[in-house]
N, C-alpha and C. Protein backbone atom coordinates (compact mmCIF):
# COMPACT_ATOMS: atom_id res chain seq x y z
N MET A 1 1.09 -1.01 -0.18
CA MET A 1 -0.02 -0.10 0.16
C MET A 1 1.09 1.09 0.31
N THR A 2 0.70 2.18 -0.94
CA THR A 2 1.44 3.59 -0.87
C THR A 2 0.93 4.53 -0.07
N HIS A 3 1.32 5.42 0.35
CA HIS A 3 0.50 6.42 1.49
C HIS A 3 1.77 7.73 0.86
N SER A 4 0.91 9.09 0.56
CA SER A 4 2.04 9.86 0.37
C SER A 4 3.09 10.68 1.34
N LEU A 5 3.92 11.09 1.18
CA LEU A 5 5.14 11.33 2.21
C LEU A 5 5.47 12.69 2.67
N VAL A 6 4.34 13.56 1.93
CA VAL A 6 4.00 14.81 2.28
C VAL A 6 3.31 15.05 3.37
N CYS A 7 3.77 15.95 4.33
CA CYS A 7 3.14 16.10 5.75
C CYS A 7 3.27 17.44 5.82
N PRO A 8 2.77 17.65 7.06
CA PRO A 8 2.23 19.23 7.63
C PRO A 8 3.59 20.13 7.29
N GLU A 9 4.84 19.42 8.23
CA GLU A 9 5.83 19.75 8.06
C GLU A 9 6.57 19.91 6.84
N THR A 10 6.30 19.43 5.47
CA THR A 10 7.11 19.18 4.20
C THR A 10 6.83 20.91 3.86
N VAL A 11 7.94 21.17 3.73
CA VAL A 11 8.08 22.69 3.05
C VAL A 11 8.29 22.38 1.53
N SER A 12 7.37 23.21 0.78
CA SER A 12 7.43 23.37 -0.55
C SER A 12 7.78 24.54 -1.08
N ARG A 13 8.04 24.69 -2.22
CA ARG A 13 8.74 25.48 -3.01
C ARG A 13 8.03 25.32 -4.68
N VAL A 14 7.80 26.45 -5.20
CA VAL A 14 7.64 26.61 -6.64
C VAL A 14 8.31 27.49 -7.29
N SER A 15 8.49 27.25 -8.82
CA SER A 15 9.00 28.47 -9.82
C SER A 15 8.54 29.33 -9.43
N SER A 16 7.08 29.57 -9.96
CA SER A 16 6.48 30.81 -10.14
C SER A 16 4.74 30.33 -10.20
N VAL A 17 4.26 31.33 -10.10
CA VAL A 17 2.92 30.99 -9.97
C VAL A 17 2.23 32.17 -10.76
N LEU A 18 1.02 31.23 -11.99
CA LEU A 18 0.37 32.24 -12.80
C LEU A 18 -0.12 33.71 -12.51
N ASN A 19 0.25 34.36 -13.05
CA ASN A 19 0.27 36.03 -12.45
C ASN A 19 -0.21 36.21 -10.94
N ARG A 20 0.95 35.67 -10.54
CA ARG A 20 1.19 35.58 -9.01
C ARG A 20 -0.38 35.78 -8.05
N ASN A 21 -1.23 34.73 -8.53
CA ASN A 21 -2.57 34.68 -8.14
C ASN A 21 -2.08 33.58 -7.13
N THR A 22 -1.62 33.65 -6.18
CA THR A 22 -1.71 32.19 -5.03
C THR A 22 -2.71 31.52 -4.61
N ARG A 23 -3.59 32.60 -4.34
CA ARG A 23 -5.02 32.02 -4.03
C ARG A 23 -6.00 31.43 -4.85
N GLN A 24 -5.64 31.96 -5.88
CA GLN A 24 -6.43 30.77 -6.87
C GLN A 24 -5.19 29.47 -7.23
N PHE A 25 -4.11 29.74 -7.62
CA PHE A 25 -3.23 28.99 -8.39
C PHE A 25 -2.36 28.36 -7.51
N GLY A 26 -1.82 28.83 -6.63
CA GLY A 26 -0.64 28.48 -5.43
C GLY A 26 -0.27 27.25 -5.04
N LYS A 27 0.81 27.14 -4.50
CA LYS A 27 1.63 25.92 -4.26
C LYS A 27 0.08 24.67 -3.18
N LYS A 28 -0.35 25.48 -2.64
CA LYS A 28 -1.08 24.96 -1.53
C LYS A 28 -1.79 23.86 -2.49
N HIS A 29 -2.58 24.12 -3.53
CA HIS A 29 -3.36 23.11 -4.55
C HIS A 29 -2.78 21.75 -5.25
N LEU A 30 -1.40 22.03 -4.71
CA LEU A 30 -0.57 20.60 -5.14
C LEU A 30 -1.11 19.37 -4.46
N PHE A 31 -1.15 19.71 -3.05
CA PHE A 31 -1.93 18.30 -2.47
C PHE A 31 -3.17 18.63 -1.41
N ASP A 32 -3.80 19.12 -2.16
CA ASP A 32 -5.29 19.19 -1.56
C ASP A 32 -6.36 18.73 -1.79
N GLN A 33 -5.71 17.74 -2.63
CA GLN A 33 -6.61 16.34 -2.54
C GLN A 33 -8.10 16.79 -3.47
N ASP A 34 -8.29 18.16 -4.23
CA ASP A 34 -9.08 18.44 -4.98
C ASP A 34 -8.80 18.59 -6.28
N GLU A 35 -9.85 17.81 -7.29
CA GLU A 35 -9.17 17.74 -8.63
C GLU A 35 -9.85 19.14 -9.47
N GLU A 36 -10.81 20.10 -8.86
CA GLU A 36 -11.33 21.54 -9.06
C GLU A 36 -9.89 22.35 -9.05
N THR A 37 -8.90 22.16 -8.32
CA THR A 37 -7.83 22.78 -8.16
C THR A 37 -6.63 22.58 -8.36
N CYS A 38 -5.52 23.22 -8.69
CA CYS A 38 -4.37 22.90 -8.87
C CYS A 38 -3.14 24.27 -8.97
N TRP A 39 -2.06 23.91 -8.81
CA TRP A 39 -1.09 24.62 -8.75
C TRP A 39 -0.97 25.21 -10.67
N ASN A 40 -0.43 26.74 -10.51
CA ASN A 40 -0.68 26.80 -12.01
C ASN A 40 0.59 27.99 -12.16
N SER A 41 1.64 27.29 -13.07
CA SER A 41 2.57 28.04 -13.31
C SER A 41 2.91 29.44 -14.34
N ASP A 42 3.39 30.41 -14.23
CA ASP A 42 3.52 31.17 -15.10
C ASP A 42 4.57 30.25 -16.47
N GLN A 43 4.39 31.25 -17.75
CA GLN A 43 4.88 30.35 -18.70
C GLN A 43 6.02 30.41 -18.83
N GLY A 44 6.97 29.62 -19.22
CA GLY A 44 8.68 29.45 -19.40
C GLY A 44 8.81 28.02 -19.25
N PRO A 45 9.99 28.06 -19.91
CA PRO A 45 10.91 26.69 -20.65
C PRO A 45 10.85 25.85 -19.30
N SER A 46 11.46 26.36 -17.98
CA SER A 46 11.52 25.82 -16.69
C SER A 46 11.10 25.90 -15.71
N GLN A 47 9.71 25.04 -15.24
CA GLN A 47 9.23 25.22 -13.95
C GLN A 47 9.56 24.19 -13.49
N TRP A 48 9.30 24.06 -11.94
CA TRP A 48 9.70 23.14 -10.88
C TRP A 48 8.94 23.17 -9.53
N VAL A 49 9.13 22.70 -9.08
CA VAL A 49 8.57 21.83 -7.79
C VAL A 49 9.33 21.47 -6.67
N ILE A 50 9.69 22.13 -5.74
CA ILE A 50 10.68 21.67 -4.51
C ILE A 50 9.95 21.27 -3.51
N LEU A 51 10.39 19.88 -2.77
CA LEU A 51 9.72 19.84 -1.48
C LEU A 51 10.57 19.14 -0.57
N GLU A 52 10.75 19.90 0.43
CA GLU A 52 11.79 19.65 1.10
C GLU A 52 10.98 18.86 2.91
N PHE A 53 11.62 17.55 3.08
CA PHE A 53 10.93 17.19 3.93
C PHE A 53 11.62 16.68 5.23
N PRO A 54 10.66 16.43 6.25
CA PRO A 54 11.15 16.93 7.90
C PRO A 54 12.03 15.84 8.31
N GLN A 55 12.39 15.15 7.50
CA GLN A 55 12.92 13.75 7.65
C GLN A 55 13.72 12.70 6.16
N ARG A 56 14.58 12.01 6.46
CA ARG A 56 15.16 11.52 5.62
C ARG A 56 13.75 10.25 5.22
N ILE A 57 13.49 10.26 3.81
CA ILE A 57 12.49 9.34 3.39
C ILE A 57 13.17 8.59 2.04
N CYS A 58 12.36 7.50 1.72
CA CYS A 58 12.48 6.56 0.75
C CYS A 58 11.28 6.88 -0.14
N VAL A 59 11.30 7.22 -1.53
CA VAL A 59 10.39 7.19 -2.41
C VAL A 59 10.71 6.13 -3.41
N SER A 60 9.50 4.92 -3.88
CA SER A 60 9.36 4.04 -4.67
C SER A 60 8.06 4.45 -5.77
N GLN A 61 7.49 5.38 -5.50
CA GLN A 61 7.04 5.67 -6.62
C GLN A 61 6.45 7.44 -6.55
N LEU A 62 6.41 7.80 -8.33
CA LEU A 62 6.03 9.28 -8.10
C LEU A 62 4.85 9.10 -9.17
N GLN A 63 3.89 9.69 -8.28
CA GLN A 63 2.28 10.34 -8.80
C GLN A 63 2.27 11.81 -9.61
N ILE A 64 1.94 11.80 -10.39
CA ILE A 64 1.79 12.90 -11.17
C ILE A 64 0.50 13.50 -12.01
N GLN A 65 -0.06 14.32 -11.84
CA GLN A 65 -1.70 14.68 -12.63
C GLN A 65 -1.78 16.09 -13.26
N PHE A 66 -1.33 16.14 -14.15
CA PHE A 66 -1.79 17.23 -14.87
C PHE A 66 -3.18 17.61 -15.69
N GLN A 67 -3.70 18.69 -16.03
CA GLN A 67 -4.77 19.21 -16.20
C GLN A 67 -4.35 18.62 -17.84
N GLY A 68 -5.44 18.18 -18.51
CA GLY A 68 -5.41 18.29 -19.97
C GLY A 68 -4.68 19.31 -20.99
N GLY A 69 -3.49 19.19 -21.59
CA GLY A 69 -3.43 20.57 -22.66
C GLY A 69 -2.55 21.74 -21.72
N PHE A 70 -1.97 20.82 -20.35
CA PHE A 70 -1.32 21.82 -20.19
C PHE A 70 0.29 20.89 -19.25
N SER A 71 0.10 19.68 -19.88
CA SER A 71 1.27 18.80 -19.37
C SER A 71 2.62 19.78 -19.81
N SER A 72 4.10 19.25 -18.99
CA SER A 72 4.98 19.22 -19.40
C SER A 72 5.37 18.42 -20.30
N ARG A 73 6.37 18.41 -21.14
CA ARG A 73 6.62 17.27 -22.34
C ARG A 73 8.08 16.78 -21.61
N GLN A 74 8.63 17.06 -20.59
CA GLN A 74 9.45 16.35 -19.90
C GLN A 74 9.72 16.73 -18.42
N GLY A 75 9.85 15.33 -17.91
CA GLY A 75 10.04 16.14 -16.15
C GLY A 75 11.51 15.44 -15.71
N ARG A 76 11.84 15.85 -14.98
CA ARG A 76 13.05 15.19 -14.30
C ARG A 76 13.02 15.26 -12.21
N LEU A 77 13.30 14.23 -12.53
CA LEU A 77 13.23 13.84 -10.65
C LEU A 77 14.36 13.89 -10.18
N GLU A 78 15.00 14.74 -8.97
CA GLU A 78 16.66 14.70 -8.82
C GLU A 78 16.22 14.53 -7.22
N GLY A 79 17.23 14.42 -6.58
CA GLY A 79 16.97 14.63 -4.95
C GLY A 79 18.61 14.69 -4.31
N SER A 80 18.44 15.27 -2.96
CA SER A 80 19.79 15.23 -2.31
C SER A 80 19.65 15.05 -1.15
N GLN A 81 20.54 14.67 0.05
CA GLN A 81 20.50 14.40 1.30
C GLN A 81 21.52 15.96 1.74
N GLY A 82 20.61 16.55 2.89
CA GLY A 82 21.40 17.69 3.23
C GLY A 82 21.41 18.58 3.11
N SER A 83 22.61 19.36 2.96
CA SER A 83 23.07 20.31 1.82
C SER A 83 23.76 20.04 0.99
N GLU A 84 24.03 19.04 0.17
CA GLU A 84 24.27 18.28 -0.81
C GLU A 84 23.51 18.89 -2.07
N ALA A 85 24.42 19.14 -3.27
CA ALA A 85 23.48 19.55 -4.65
C ALA A 85 22.51 18.36 -4.64
N LEU A 86 21.71 19.07 -5.48
CA LEU A 86 20.52 18.53 -6.04
C LEU A 86 21.34 17.45 -7.57
N SER A 87 20.99 15.59 -7.73
CA SER A 87 21.46 15.47 -8.51
C SER A 87 20.44 14.47 -9.08
N LYS A 88 20.22 14.01 -10.56
CA LYS A 88 19.55 13.67 -11.28
C LYS A 88 18.95 12.26 -10.90
N ILE A 89 17.83 11.82 -10.89
CA ILE A 89 17.29 10.48 -10.54
C ILE A 89 17.19 9.71 -11.83
N VAL A 90 16.52 10.51 -12.64
CA VAL A 90 15.59 9.71 -13.96
C VAL A 90 15.09 11.07 -14.21
N ASP A 91 14.91 11.26 -15.98
CA ASP A 91 13.95 11.90 -16.46
C ASP A 91 12.70 10.75 -16.76
N PHE A 92 11.50 11.74 -16.96
CA PHE A 92 10.09 11.12 -17.29
C PHE A 92 9.41 11.92 -18.14
N TYR A 93 8.36 11.22 -19.12
CA TYR A 93 7.92 12.23 -20.06
C TYR A 93 6.47 11.87 -19.84
N PRO A 94 5.71 12.47 -19.09
CA PRO A 94 4.46 12.57 -19.07
C PRO A 94 3.21 12.41 -19.91
N GLU A 95 2.66 12.09 -20.22
CA GLU A 95 1.10 12.06 -21.28
C GLU A 95 0.67 13.52 -20.40
N ASP A 96 -0.17 14.07 -21.64
CA ASP A 96 -0.62 15.31 -21.92
C ASP A 96 -1.85 14.89 -21.91
N ASN A 97 -2.28 14.44 -20.66
CA ASN A 97 -4.11 14.28 -20.21
C ASN A 97 -4.43 14.49 -18.99
N ASN A 98 -5.44 14.42 -18.41
CA ASN A 98 -5.94 14.53 -17.42
C ASN A 98 -5.85 13.57 -15.82
N SER A 99 -5.00 12.03 -16.63
CA SER A 99 -5.22 11.26 -15.68
C SER A 99 -3.75 10.99 -14.50
N LEU A 100 -4.38 10.41 -13.53
CA LEU A 100 -3.18 10.38 -12.44
C LEU A 100 -2.03 9.16 -13.26
N GLN A 101 -0.70 9.69 -13.33
CA GLN A 101 0.10 8.85 -14.02
C GLN A 101 1.07 8.34 -12.70
N ILE A 102 1.28 7.38 -12.60
CA ILE A 102 1.99 6.44 -12.00
C ILE A 102 3.39 6.19 -12.10
N SER A 103 4.60 6.20 -11.47
CA SER A 103 5.69 5.65 -12.06
C SER A 103 6.50 5.09 -11.01
N CYS A 104 6.96 3.70 -11.22
CA CYS A 104 7.65 2.97 -10.30
C CYS A 104 8.86 3.28 -10.47
N LEU A 105 9.73 3.84 -9.06
CA LEU A 105 11.18 4.18 -9.34
C LEU A 105 12.14 3.04 -9.56
N SER A 106 11.63 1.76 -8.63
CA SER A 106 12.24 0.56 -8.48
C SER A 106 12.45 0.44 -10.25
N LEU A 107 11.57 0.64 -10.79
CA LEU A 107 12.23 0.22 -12.24
C LEU A 107 13.02 0.98 -13.02
N TRP A 108 13.40 2.16 -12.41
CA TRP A 108 14.43 3.35 -13.10
C TRP A 108 15.71 2.66 -12.57
N VAL A 109 15.66 2.81 -11.37
CA VAL A 109 17.07 2.75 -10.75
C VAL A 109 17.41 1.58 -9.53
N GLY A 110 16.24 0.98 -9.52
CA GLY A 110 16.64 -0.70 -8.51
C GLY A 110 16.59 -0.87 -7.40
N ARG A 111 16.14 0.27 -6.50
CA ARG A 111 16.39 0.37 -5.55
C ARG A 111 15.69 1.84 -4.92
N SER A 112 15.57 1.73 -3.58
CA SER A 112 14.84 3.02 -2.64
C SER A 112 15.79 3.86 -2.81
N VAL A 113 15.20 5.12 -2.96
CA VAL A 113 15.74 6.07 -3.12
C VAL A 113 16.14 7.32 -2.29
N PRO A 114 16.64 7.37 -1.47
CA PRO A 114 16.69 8.75 -0.30
C PRO A 114 16.55 9.71 -0.68
N LEU A 115 15.27 11.06 -0.60
CA LEU A 115 15.48 12.11 -1.37
C LEU A 115 14.88 12.99 -0.15
N LYS A 116 15.65 14.55 -0.54
CA LYS A 116 15.09 15.35 0.28
C LYS A 116 14.04 16.04 -0.41
N ALA A 117 14.44 16.70 -1.86
CA ALA A 117 13.87 17.30 -2.78
C ALA A 117 13.40 16.83 -4.09
N VAL A 118 11.84 17.19 -4.35
CA VAL A 118 11.76 16.44 -5.99
C VAL A 118 11.33 17.91 -6.80
N PRO A 119 11.94 18.31 -7.70
CA PRO A 119 11.93 19.14 -8.71
C PRO A 119 11.06 17.84 -9.87
N TRP A 120 10.42 19.00 -10.77
CA TRP A 120 10.09 18.98 -11.83
C TRP A 120 9.65 19.70 -12.49
């Protein structure tokens, strides 16, 4: 059984918010479990989300969902421990649809991956 590693103590940061309208499109909508809301970034070639967990974690799955027509063409999962620089774990290529997309990291790296941050 999988469960979200995001908890109230998880710190999140995003690259941008559409028109700086954090009330309607802010990062709080990333994990609110409401399909009617979402984080919406401004336009640009590189948008990202960073999660800083309060303790060391092991990630086995990445689950993302885009609004249809607003998907990224390519994503990159990166991670680090402590103050280390982020390093690439894997690139992924999401589908441009509104369905939940699940990727199993064990298929990519063959082991659990300790992460501090997850940008894409």
